[in-house]
Full PDB file with SEQRES, HELIX, SHEET, SSBOND, CRYST1, ORIGX, SCALE, CONECT and MASTER records, all heavy atoms in Angstrom:
SEQRES   1 A   41  ARG PRO PRO PHE GLY PRO ARG ALA ALA ALA LEU GLY PHE          
SEQRES   2 A   41  VAL ILE THR GLY SER SER ARG VAL TYR PHE ALA GLY ASP          
SEQRES   3 A   41  THR ASP LEU PHE PRO GLU MET GLY ARG LEU HIS GLY THR          
SEQRES   4 A   41  LEU ASP                                                      
HELIX    1 AA1 PRO A   31  LEU A   36  5                                   6    
SHEET    1 AA1 2 PHE A  13  THR A  16  0                                        
SHEET    2 AA1 2 ARG A  20  PHE A  23 -1                                        
CRYST1    1.000    1.000    1.000  90.00  90.00  90.00 P 1           1          
ORIGX1      1.000000  0.000000  0.000000        0.00000                         
ORIGX2      0.000000  1.000000  0.000000        0.00000                         
ORIGX3      0.000000  0.000000  1.000000        0.00000                         
SCALE1      1.000000  0.000000  0.000000        0.00000                         
SCALE2      0.000000  1.000000  0.000000        0.00000                         
SCALE3      0.000000  0.000000  1.000000        0.00000                         
ATOM      1  N   ARG A   1     113.845 114.029 132.889  1.00  0.00           N  
ATOM      2  CA  ARG A   1     114.288 114.667 134.046  1.00  0.00           C  
ATOM      3  C   ARG A   1     115.899 114.795 134.055  1.00  0.00           C  
ATOM      4  O   ARG A   1     116.576 113.794 134.225  1.00  0.00           O  
ATOM      5  CB  ARG A   1     113.861 113.899 135.357  1.00  0.00           C  
ATOM      6  CG  ARG A   1     114.299 114.661 136.673  1.00  0.00           C  
ATOM      7  CD  ARG A   1     113.656 114.008 137.835  1.00  0.00           C  
ATOM      8  NE  ARG A   1     113.942 114.619 139.127  1.00  0.00           N  
ATOM      9  CZ  ARG A   1     113.414 115.719 139.662  1.00  0.00           C  
ATOM     10  NH1 ARG A   1     112.480 116.280 138.930  1.00  0.00           N  
ATOM     11  NH2 ARG A   1     113.733 116.139 140.888  1.00  0.00           N  
ATOM     12  N   PRO A   2     116.376 115.987 133.882  1.00  0.00           N  
ATOM     13  CA  PRO A   2     117.831 116.163 133.808  1.00  0.00           C  
ATOM     14  C   PRO A   2     118.481 115.962 135.209  1.00  0.00           C  
ATOM     15  O   PRO A   2     117.773 116.252 136.216  1.00  0.00           O  
ATOM     16  CB  PRO A   2     117.990 117.587 133.287  1.00  0.00           C  
ATOM     17  CG  PRO A   2     116.748 118.294 133.712  1.00  0.00           C  
ATOM     18  CD  PRO A   2     115.668 117.289 133.678  1.00  0.00           C  
ATOM     19  N   PRO A   3     119.727 115.524 135.247  1.00  0.00           N  
ATOM     20  CA  PRO A   3     120.604 115.278 134.074  1.00  0.00           C  
ATOM     21  C   PRO A   3     120.659 113.807 133.614  1.00  0.00           C  
ATOM     22  O   PRO A   3     121.074 113.512 132.578  1.00  0.00           O  
ATOM     23  CB  PRO A   3     121.981 115.618 134.632  1.00  0.00           C  
ATOM     24  CG  PRO A   3     121.885 115.281 136.064  1.00  0.00           C  
ATOM     25  CD  PRO A   3     120.550 115.532 136.544  1.00  0.00           C  
ATOM     26  N   PHE A   4     120.063 112.884 134.426  1.00  0.00           N  
ATOM     27  CA  PHE A   4     120.229 111.470 134.092  1.00  0.00           C  
ATOM     28  C   PHE A   4     118.911 110.736 133.985  1.00  0.00           C  
ATOM     29  O   PHE A   4     118.855 109.512 133.794  1.00  0.00           O  
ATOM     30  CB  PHE A   4     121.057 110.758 135.156  1.00  0.00           C  
ATOM     31  CG  PHE A   4     122.403 111.433 135.406  1.00  0.00           C  
ATOM     32  CD1 PHE A   4     122.693 112.007 136.647  1.00  0.00           C  
ATOM     33  CD2 PHE A   4     123.397 111.475 134.454  1.00  0.00           C  
ATOM     34  CE1 PHE A   4     123.942 112.571 136.849  1.00  0.00           C  
ATOM     35  CE2 PHE A   4     124.607 112.015 134.604  1.00  0.00           C  
ATOM     36  CZ  PHE A   4     124.923 112.603 135.866  1.00  0.00           C  
ATOM     37  N   GLY A   5     117.833 111.427 133.904  1.00  0.00           N  
ATOM     38  CA  GLY A   5     116.523 110.802 133.719  1.00  0.00           C  
ATOM     39  C   GLY A   5     115.802 110.529 135.058  1.00  0.00           C  
ATOM     40  O   GLY A   5     116.265 110.994 136.064  1.00  0.00           O  
ATOM     41  N   PRO A   6     114.723 109.766 134.994  1.00  0.00           N  
ATOM     42  CA  PRO A   6     114.161 109.085 133.836  1.00  0.00           C  
ATOM     43  C   PRO A   6     113.379 109.984 132.856  1.00  0.00           C  
ATOM     44  O   PRO A   6     113.205 111.195 133.079  1.00  0.00           O  
ATOM     45  CB  PRO A   6     113.177 108.060 134.554  1.00  0.00           C  
ATOM     46  CG  PRO A   6     112.677 108.861 135.737  1.00  0.00           C  
ATOM     47  CD  PRO A   6     113.882 109.672 136.208  1.00  0.00           C  
ATOM     48  N   ARG A   7     112.868 109.361 131.799  1.00  0.00           N  
ATOM     49  CA  ARG A   7     112.019 110.064 130.894  1.00  0.00           C  
ATOM     50  C   ARG A   7     110.556 109.540 131.132  1.00  0.00           C  
ATOM     51  O   ARG A   7     110.362 108.252 131.117  1.00  0.00           O  
ATOM     52  CB  ARG A   7     112.410 109.825 129.405  1.00  0.00           C  
ATOM     53  CG  ARG A   7     111.553 110.596 128.482  1.00  0.00           C  
ATOM     54  CD  ARG A   7     112.068 110.345 126.990  1.00  0.00           C  
ATOM     55  NE  ARG A   7     113.446 110.786 126.886  1.00  0.00           N  
ATOM     56  CZ  ARG A   7     113.771 112.079 126.612  1.00  0.00           C  
ATOM     57  NH1 ARG A   7     112.885 113.018 126.561  1.00  0.00           N  
ATOM     58  NH2 ARG A   7     115.073 112.370 126.438  1.00  0.00           N  
ATOM     59  N   ALA A   8     109.597 110.324 131.263  1.00  0.00           N  
ATOM     60  CA  ALA A   8     108.226 109.957 131.454  1.00  0.00           C  
ATOM     61  C   ALA A   8     107.337 110.920 130.597  1.00  0.00           C  
ATOM     62  O   ALA A   8     107.623 112.132 130.587  1.00  0.00           O  
ATOM     63  CB  ALA A   8     107.826 109.925 132.907  1.00  0.00           C  
ATOM     64  N   ALA A   9     106.297 110.422 130.023  1.00  0.00           N  
ATOM     65  CA  ALA A   9     105.412 111.269 129.214  1.00  0.00           C  
ATOM     66  C   ALA A   9     104.806 112.413 130.056  1.00  0.00           C  
ATOM     67  O   ALA A   9     104.314 112.142 131.205  1.00  0.00           O  
ATOM     68  CB  ALA A   9     104.324 110.464 128.598  1.00  0.00           C  
ATOM     69  N   ALA A  10     104.911 113.617 129.560  1.00  0.00           N  
ATOM     70  CA  ALA A  10     104.280 114.742 130.250  1.00  0.00           C  
ATOM     71  C   ALA A  10     102.676 114.612 130.120  1.00  0.00           C  
ATOM     72  O   ALA A  10     102.200 114.024 129.176  1.00  0.00           O  
ATOM     73  CB  ALA A  10     104.696 116.059 129.660  1.00  0.00           C  
ATOM     74  N   LEU A  11     102.035 115.172 131.151  1.00  0.00           N  
ATOM     75  CA  LEU A  11     100.589 114.992 131.199  1.00  0.00           C  
ATOM     76  C   LEU A  11      99.933 116.347 131.661  1.00  0.00           C  
ATOM     77  O   LEU A  11     100.595 117.213 132.206  1.00  0.00           O  
ATOM     78  CB  LEU A  11     100.158 113.990 132.295  1.00  0.00           C  
ATOM     79  CG  LEU A  11     100.524 112.585 132.026  1.00  0.00           C  
ATOM     80  CD1 LEU A  11     100.210 111.716 133.231  1.00  0.00           C  
ATOM     81  CD2 LEU A  11      99.771 111.981 130.824  1.00  0.00           C  
ATOM     82  N   GLY A  12      98.697 116.492 131.285  1.00  0.00           N  
ATOM     83  CA  GLY A  12      97.824 117.453 131.915  1.00  0.00           C  
ATOM     84  C   GLY A  12      96.879 116.691 132.827  1.00  0.00           C  
ATOM     85  O   GLY A  12      96.880 115.491 132.891  1.00  0.00           O  
ATOM     86  N   PHE A  13      95.976 117.428 133.512  1.00  0.00           N  
ATOM     87  CA  PHE A  13      95.035 116.799 134.387  1.00  0.00           C  
ATOM     88  C   PHE A  13      93.672 117.530 134.337  1.00  0.00           C  
ATOM     89  O   PHE A  13      93.611 118.728 134.302  1.00  0.00           O  
ATOM     90  CB  PHE A  13      95.515 116.762 135.840  1.00  0.00           C  
ATOM     91  CG  PHE A  13      96.695 115.887 136.057  1.00  0.00           C  
ATOM     92  CD1 PHE A  13      98.019 116.426 135.983  1.00  0.00           C  
ATOM     93  CD2 PHE A  13      96.583 114.487 136.241  1.00  0.00           C  
ATOM     94  CE1 PHE A  13      99.133 115.661 136.204  1.00  0.00           C  
ATOM     95  CE2 PHE A  13      97.685 113.695 136.391  1.00  0.00           C  
ATOM     96  CZ  PHE A  13      98.955 114.241 136.366  1.00  0.00           C  
ATOM     97  N   VAL A  14      92.608 116.725 134.355  1.00  0.00           N  
ATOM     98  CA  VAL A  14      91.238 117.309 134.470  1.00  0.00           C  
ATOM     99  C   VAL A  14      90.668 116.885 135.826  1.00  0.00           C  
ATOM    100  O   VAL A  14      90.531 115.674 136.108  1.00  0.00           O  
ATOM    101  CB  VAL A  14      90.329 116.768 133.344  1.00  0.00           C  
ATOM    102  CG1 VAL A  14      88.969 117.364 133.466  1.00  0.00           C  
ATOM    103  CG2 VAL A  14      90.942 117.140 131.977  1.00  0.00           C  
ATOM    104  N   ILE A  15      90.468 117.842 136.704  1.00  0.00           N  
ATOM    105  CA  ILE A  15      89.838 117.656 138.007  1.00  0.00           C  
ATOM    106  C   ILE A  15      88.407 117.826 137.896  1.00  0.00           C  
ATOM    107  O   ILE A  15      87.881 118.885 137.432  1.00  0.00           O  
ATOM    108  CB  ILE A  15      90.454 118.643 138.989  1.00  0.00           C  
ATOM    109  CG1 ILE A  15      91.978 118.451 139.094  1.00  0.00           C  
ATOM    110  CG2 ILE A  15      89.808 118.510 140.402  1.00  0.00           C  
ATOM    111  CD1 ILE A  15      92.663 119.677 139.826  1.00  0.00           C  
ATOM    112  N   THR A  16      87.665 116.792 138.298  1.00  0.00           N  
ATOM    113  CA  THR A  16      86.165 116.782 138.112  1.00  0.00           C  
ATOM    114  C   THR A  16      85.463 116.547 139.421  1.00  0.00           C  
ATOM    115  O   THR A  16      85.754 115.627 140.167  1.00  0.00           O  
ATOM    116  CB  THR A  16      85.804 115.689 137.077  1.00  0.00           C  
ATOM    117  OG1 THR A  16      86.451 115.944 135.832  1.00  0.00           O  
ATOM    118  CG2 THR A  16      84.329 115.677 136.847  1.00  0.00           C  
ATOM    119  N   GLY A  17      84.447 117.362 139.665  1.00  0.00           N  
ATOM    120  CA  GLY A  17      83.528 117.161 140.747  1.00  0.00           C  
ATOM    121  C   GLY A  17      82.228 117.799 140.275  1.00  0.00           C  
ATOM    122  O   GLY A  17      81.664 117.546 139.233  1.00  0.00           O  
ATOM    123  N   SER A  18      81.648 118.738 141.122  1.00  0.00           N  
ATOM    124  CA  SER A  18      80.504 119.494 140.621  1.00  0.00           C  
ATOM    125  C   SER A  18      80.880 120.486 139.533  1.00  0.00           C  
ATOM    126  O   SER A  18      79.991 120.928 138.827  1.00  0.00           O  
ATOM    127  CB  SER A  18      79.927 120.244 141.846  1.00  0.00           C  
ATOM    128  OG  SER A  18      80.820 121.125 142.402  1.00  0.00           O  
ATOM    129  N   SER A  19      82.166 120.782 139.412  1.00  0.00           N  
ATOM    130  CA  SER A  19      82.714 121.552 138.331  1.00  0.00           C  
ATOM    131  C   SER A  19      83.914 120.855 137.697  1.00  0.00           C  
ATOM    132  O   SER A  19      84.339 119.791 138.272  1.00  0.00           O  
ATOM    133  CB  SER A  19      83.114 122.944 138.763  1.00  0.00           C  
ATOM    134  OG  SER A  19      81.941 123.722 139.226  1.00  0.00           O  
ATOM    135  N   ARG A  20      84.461 121.446 136.708  1.00  0.00           N  
ATOM    136  CA  ARG A  20      85.591 120.733 136.069  1.00  0.00           C  
ATOM    137  C   ARG A  20      86.707 121.728 135.748  1.00  0.00           C  
ATOM    138  O   ARG A  20      86.435 122.786 135.126  1.00  0.00           O  
ATOM    139  CB  ARG A  20      85.098 120.061 134.735  1.00  0.00           C  
ATOM    140  CG  ARG A  20      86.218 119.300 134.027  1.00  0.00           C  
ATOM    141  CD  ARG A  20      85.665 118.587 132.787  1.00  0.00           C  
ATOM    142  NE  ARG A  20      84.971 117.393 133.090  1.00  0.00           N  
ATOM    143  CZ  ARG A  20      84.486 116.574 132.186  1.00  0.00           C  
ATOM    144  NH1 ARG A  20      84.645 116.800 130.899  1.00  0.00           N  
ATOM    145  NH2 ARG A  20      83.852 115.451 132.551  1.00  0.00           N  
ATOM    146  N   VAL A  21      87.955 121.420 136.153  1.00  0.00           N  
ATOM    147  CA  VAL A  21      89.068 122.218 136.008  1.00  0.00           C  
ATOM    148  C   VAL A  21      90.174 121.543 135.269  1.00  0.00           C  
ATOM    149  O   VAL A  21      90.545 120.363 135.628  1.00  0.00           O  
ATOM    150  CB  VAL A  21      89.613 122.688 137.392  1.00  0.00           C  
ATOM    151  CG1 VAL A  21      90.837 123.629 137.250  1.00  0.00           C  
ATOM    152  CG2 VAL A  21      88.546 123.405 138.162  1.00  0.00           C  
ATOM    153  N   TYR A  22      90.770 122.142 134.255  1.00  0.00           N  
ATOM    154  CA  TYR A  22      91.805 121.586 133.401  1.00  0.00           C  
ATOM    155  C   TYR A  22      93.087 122.226 133.756  1.00  0.00           C  
ATOM    156  O   TYR A  22      93.236 123.476 133.623  1.00  0.00           O  
ATOM    157  CB  TYR A  22      91.521 121.694 131.954  1.00  0.00           C  
ATOM    158  CG  TYR A  22      92.594 121.329 130.951  1.00  0.00           C  
ATOM    159  CD1 TYR A  22      93.352 120.193 131.056  1.00  0.00           C  
ATOM    160  CD2 TYR A  22      92.883 122.225 129.951  1.00  0.00           C  
ATOM    161  CE1 TYR A  22      94.364 119.874 130.169  1.00  0.00           C  
ATOM    162  CE2 TYR A  22      93.927 121.988 129.005  1.00  0.00           C  
ATOM    163  CZ  TYR A  22      94.593 120.769 129.135  1.00  0.00           C  
ATOM    164  OH  TYR A  22      95.576 120.473 128.219  1.00  0.00           O  
ATOM    165  N   PHE A  23      94.081 121.474 134.208  1.00  0.00           N  
ATOM    166  CA  PHE A  23      95.421 121.976 134.421  1.00  0.00           C  
ATOM    167  C   PHE A  23      96.319 121.410 133.281  1.00  0.00           C  
ATOM    168  O   PHE A  23      96.466 120.189 133.193  1.00  0.00           O  
ATOM    169  CB  PHE A  23      95.981 121.557 135.747  1.00  0.00           C  
ATOM    170  CG  PHE A  23      97.455 121.746 135.983  1.00  0.00           C  
ATOM    171  CD1 PHE A  23      98.014 122.983 135.884  1.00  0.00           C  
ATOM    172  CD2 PHE A  23      98.299 120.720 136.249  1.00  0.00           C  
ATOM    173  CE1 PHE A  23      99.433 123.165 136.042  1.00  0.00           C  
ATOM    174  CE2 PHE A  23      99.662 120.858 136.456  1.00  0.00           C  
ATOM    175  CZ  PHE A  23     100.205 122.114 136.295  1.00  0.00           C  
ATOM    176  N   ALA A  24      96.838 122.302 132.414  1.00  0.00           N  
ATOM    177  CA  ALA A  24      97.551 121.809 131.225  1.00  0.00           C  
ATOM    178  C   ALA A  24      98.946 121.348 131.436  1.00  0.00           C  
ATOM    179  O   ALA A  24      99.553 120.660 130.576  1.00  0.00           O  
ATOM    180  CB  ALA A  24      97.486 122.896 130.175  1.00  0.00           C  
ATOM    181  N   GLY A  25      99.527 121.707 132.639  1.00  0.00           N  
ATOM    182  CA  GLY A  25     100.928 121.397 132.842  1.00  0.00           C  
ATOM    183  C   GLY A  25     101.776 122.308 131.843  1.00  0.00           C  
ATOM    184  O   GLY A  25     101.476 123.432 131.535  1.00  0.00           O  
ATOM    185  N   ASP A  26     102.888 121.657 131.406  1.00  0.00           N  
ATOM    186  CA  ASP A  26     103.615 122.374 130.299  1.00  0.00           C  
ATOM    187  C   ASP A  26     103.199 121.587 129.022  1.00  0.00           C  
ATOM    188  O   ASP A  26     103.193 120.373 128.920  1.00  0.00           O  
ATOM    189  CB  ASP A  26     105.130 122.114 130.542  1.00  0.00           C  
ATOM    190  CG  ASP A  26     105.749 123.355 131.078  1.00  0.00           C  
ATOM    191  OD1 ASP A  26     105.041 124.321 131.374  1.00  0.00           O  
ATOM    192  OD2 ASP A  26     107.013 123.340 131.201  1.00  0.00           O  
ATOM    193  N   THR A  27     102.887 122.366 128.004  1.00  0.00           N  
ATOM    194  CA  THR A  27     102.487 121.741 126.774  1.00  0.00           C  
ATOM    195  C   THR A  27     102.494 122.736 125.625  1.00  0.00           C  
ATOM    196  O   THR A  27     102.471 123.977 125.822  1.00  0.00           O  
ATOM    197  CB  THR A  27     101.031 121.191 126.840  1.00  0.00           C  
ATOM    198  OG1 THR A  27     100.732 120.404 125.661  1.00  0.00           O  
ATOM    199  CG2 THR A  27     100.000 122.276 126.991  1.00  0.00           C  
ATOM    200  N   ASP A  28     102.655 122.234 124.431  1.00  0.00           N  
ATOM    201  CA  ASP A  28     102.435 123.051 123.223  1.00  0.00           C  
ATOM    202  C   ASP A  28     100.953 122.713 122.830  1.00  0.00           C  
ATOM    203  O   ASP A  28     100.228 121.976 123.369  1.00  0.00           O  
ATOM    204  CB  ASP A  28     103.393 122.620 122.092  1.00  0.00           C  
ATOM    205  CG  ASP A  28     103.628 123.719 121.107  1.00  0.00           C  
ATOM    206  OD1 ASP A  28     102.803 124.630 120.994  1.00  0.00           O  
ATOM    207  OD2 ASP A  28     104.644 123.785 120.403  1.00  0.00           O  
ATOM    208  N   LEU A  29     100.533 123.465 121.805  1.00  0.00           N  
ATOM    209  CA  LEU A  29      99.204 123.290 121.287  1.00  0.00           C  
ATOM    210  C   LEU A  29      99.046 121.910 120.545  1.00  0.00           C  
ATOM    211  O   LEU A  29      99.983 121.515 119.872  1.00  0.00           O  
ATOM    212  CB  LEU A  29      98.890 124.398 120.283  1.00  0.00           C  
ATOM    213  CG  LEU A  29      97.450 124.715 119.894  1.00  0.00           C  
ATOM    214  CD1 LEU A  29      96.686 125.238 121.127  1.00  0.00           C  
ATOM    215  CD2 LEU A  29      97.407 125.740 118.810  1.00  0.00           C  
ATOM    216  N   PHE A  30      97.880 121.258 120.833  1.00  0.00           N  
ATOM    217  CA  PHE A  30      97.667 119.964 120.139  1.00  0.00           C  
ATOM    218  C   PHE A  30      96.190 119.764 119.883  1.00  0.00           C  
ATOM    219  O   PHE A  30      95.482 120.220 120.738  1.00  0.00           O  
ATOM    220  CB  PHE A  30      98.368 118.760 120.881  1.00  0.00           C  
ATOM    221  CG  PHE A  30      97.872 118.567 122.245  1.00  0.00           C  
ATOM    222  CD1 PHE A  30      96.897 117.580 122.543  1.00  0.00           C  
ATOM    223  CD2 PHE A  30      98.341 119.344 123.304  1.00  0.00           C  
ATOM    224  CE1 PHE A  30      96.431 117.352 123.810  1.00  0.00           C  
ATOM    225  CE2 PHE A  30      97.852 119.104 124.607  1.00  0.00           C  
ATOM    226  CZ  PHE A  30      96.945 118.127 124.823  1.00  0.00           C  
ATOM    227  N   PRO A  31      95.855 119.149 118.821  1.00  0.00           N  
ATOM    228  CA  PRO A  31      94.410 119.107 118.465  1.00  0.00           C  
ATOM    229  C   PRO A  31      93.484 118.442 119.496  1.00  0.00           C  
ATOM    230  O   PRO A  31      92.326 118.766 119.604  1.00  0.00           O  
ATOM    231  CB  PRO A  31      94.429 118.339 117.149  1.00  0.00           C  
ATOM    232  CG  PRO A  31      95.756 118.470 116.582  1.00  0.00           C  
ATOM    233  CD  PRO A  31      96.643 118.525 117.729  1.00  0.00           C  
ATOM    234  N   GLU A  32      94.029 117.432 120.219  1.00  0.00           N  
ATOM    235  CA  GLU A  32      93.212 116.735 121.190  1.00  0.00           C  
ATOM    236  C   GLU A  32      92.638 117.623 122.251  1.00  0.00           C  
ATOM    237  O   GLU A  32      91.680 117.210 122.919  1.00  0.00           O  
ATOM    238  CB  GLU A  32      94.025 115.620 121.785  1.00  0.00           C  
ATOM    239  CG  GLU A  32      94.306 114.436 120.878  1.00  0.00           C  
ATOM    240  CD  GLU A  32      95.597 114.707 119.996  1.00  0.00           C  
ATOM    241  OE1 GLU A  32      96.140 115.826 120.090  1.00  0.00           O  
ATOM    242  OE2 GLU A  32      96.045 113.721 119.373  1.00  0.00           O  
ATOM    243  N   MET A  33      93.188 118.743 122.439  1.00  0.00           N  
ATOM    244  CA  MET A  33      92.557 119.708 123.416  1.00  0.00           C  
ATOM    245  C   MET A  33      91.071 119.966 123.058  1.00  0.00           C  
ATOM    246  O   MET A  33      90.227 120.175 123.953  1.00  0.00           O  
ATOM    247  CB  MET A  33      93.293 121.081 123.409  1.00  0.00           C  
ATOM    248  CG  MET A  33      94.598 121.070 124.139  1.00  0.00           C  
ATOM    249  SD  MET A  33      95.318 122.767 124.061  1.00  0.00           S  
ATOM    250  CE  MET A  33      96.765 122.532 125.007  1.00  0.00           C  
ATOM    251  N   GLY A  34      90.772 119.855 121.823  1.00  0.00           N  
ATOM    252  CA  GLY A  34      89.399 120.025 121.342  1.00  0.00           C  
ATOM    253  C   GLY A  34      88.430 119.038 121.940  1.00  0.00           C  
ATOM    254  O   GLY A  34      87.210 119.312 121.949  1.00  0.00           O  
ATOM    255  N   ARG A  35      88.900 117.877 122.454  1.00  0.00           N  
ATOM    256  CA  ARG A  35      88.014 116.947 123.108  1.00  0.00           C  
ATOM    257  C   ARG A  35      87.402 117.480 124.369  1.00  0.00           C  
ATOM    258  O   ARG A  35      86.344 116.949 124.839  1.00  0.00           O  
ATOM    259  CB  ARG A  35      88.829 115.670 123.467  1.00  0.00           C  
ATOM    260  CG  ARG A  35      89.213 114.839 122.251  1.00  0.00           C  
ATOM    261  CD  ARG A  35      90.347 113.901 122.525  1.00  0.00           C  
ATOM    262  NE  ARG A  35      90.318 113.196 123.843  1.00  0.00           N  
ATOM    263  CZ  ARG A  35      91.367 112.607 124.389  1.00  0.00           C  
ATOM    264  NH1 ARG A  35      92.459 112.462 123.762  1.00  0.00           N  
ATOM    265  NH2 ARG A  35      91.257 112.051 125.550  1.00  0.00           N  
ATOM    266  N   LEU A  36      88.012 118.473 124.946  1.00  0.00           N  
ATOM    267  CA  LEU A  36      87.460 119.132 126.121  1.00  0.00           C  
ATOM    268  C   LEU A  36      86.586 120.334 125.864  1.00  0.00           C  
ATOM    269  O   LEU A  36      86.082 121.006 126.805  1.00  0.00           O  
ATOM    270  CB  LEU A  36      88.661 119.581 127.070  1.00  0.00           C  
ATOM    271  CG  LEU A  36      89.531 118.467 127.523  1.00  0.00           C  
ATOM    272  CD1 LEU A  36      90.713 119.002 128.362  1.00  0.00           C  
ATOM    273  CD2 LEU A  36      88.792 117.414 128.381  1.00  0.00           C  
ATOM    274  N   HIS A  37      86.318 120.663 124.581  1.00  0.00           N  
ATOM    275  CA  HIS A  37      85.675 121.853 124.203  1.00  0.00           C  
ATOM    276  C   HIS A  37      84.259 121.983 124.928  1.00  0.00           C  
ATOM    277  O   HIS A  37      83.471 121.086 124.808  1.00  0.00           O  
ATOM    278  CB  HIS A  37      85.427 121.895 122.697  1.00  0.00           C  
ATOM    279  CG  HIS A  37      84.755 123.170 122.188  1.00  0.00           C  
ATOM    280  ND1 HIS A  37      85.530 124.188 121.797  1.00  0.00           N  
ATOM    281  CD2 HIS A  37      83.486 123.520 122.041  1.00  0.00           C  
ATOM    282  CE1 HIS A  37      84.728 125.175 121.406  1.00  0.00           C  
ATOM    283  NE2 HIS A  37      83.447 124.752 121.501  1.00  0.00           N  
ATOM    284  N   GLY A  38      84.076 123.124 125.588  1.00  0.00           N  
ATOM    285  CA  GLY A  38      82.827 123.328 126.190  1.00  0.00           C  
ATOM    286  C   GLY A  38      82.451 122.591 127.506  1.00  0.00           C  
ATOM    287  O   GLY A  38      81.371 122.700 127.957  1.00  0.00           O  
ATOM    288  N   THR A  39      83.415 121.805 127.974  1.00  0.00           N  
ATOM    289  CA  THR A  39      83.121 120.928 129.151  1.00  0.00           C  
ATOM    290  C   THR A  39      83.803 121.557 130.444  1.00  0.00           C  
ATOM    291  O   THR A  39      83.653 120.984 131.487  1.00  0.00           O  
ATOM    292  CB  THR A  39      83.613 119.550 128.957  1.00  0.00           C  
ATOM    293  OG1 THR A  39      85.076 119.498 128.972  1.00  0.00           O  
ATOM    294  CG2 THR A  39      83.160 118.886 127.682  1.00  0.00           C  
ATOM    295  N   LEU A  40      84.557 122.663 130.333  1.00  0.00           N  
ATOM    296  CA  LEU A  40      85.403 123.103 131.391  1.00  0.00           C  
ATOM    297  C   LEU A  40      84.829 124.394 132.046  1.00  0.00           C  
ATOM    298  O   LEU A  40      84.476 125.346 131.346  1.00  0.00           O  
ATOM    299  CB  LEU A  40      86.822 123.424 130.846  1.00  0.00           C  
ATOM    300  CG  LEU A  40      87.568 122.244 130.213  1.00  0.00           C  
ATOM    301  CD1 LEU A  40      88.861 122.707 129.603  1.00  0.00           C  
ATOM    302  CD2 LEU A  40      87.831 121.150 131.248  1.00  0.00           C  
ATOM    303  N   ASP A  41      84.915 124.405 133.328  1.00  0.00           N  
ATOM    304  CA  ASP A  41      84.567 125.589 134.114  1.00  0.00           C  
ATOM    305  C   ASP A  41      85.803 126.476 134.254  1.00  0.00           C  
ATOM    306  O   ASP A  41      85.727 127.762 134.413  1.00  0.00           O  
ATOM    307  CB  ASP A  41      83.979 125.249 135.445  1.00  0.00           C  
ATOM    308  CG  ASP A  41      82.690 124.510 135.274  1.00  0.00           C  
ATOM    309  OD1 ASP A  41      81.697 125.126 134.906  1.00  0.00           O  
ATOM    310  OD2 ASP A  41      82.650 123.261 135.481  1.00  0.00           O  
TER     311      ASP A  41                                                      
MASTER        0    0    0    1    2    0    0    6  310    1    0    4          
END                                                                             
C-alpha cells in the first residue's frame, strides 16, 4: 500500500452458497486457478 505500506499478500475470493462466484481481484495468470476448474457459476 503506497506510499509507506503495509505490504499484505493479494487475494481473490470464492463466494459459495447455492452457487459459486470467483472474484479474482487483481492478479496475473497462475496455474492454481485450475483448482477451480468446472466448479464456478
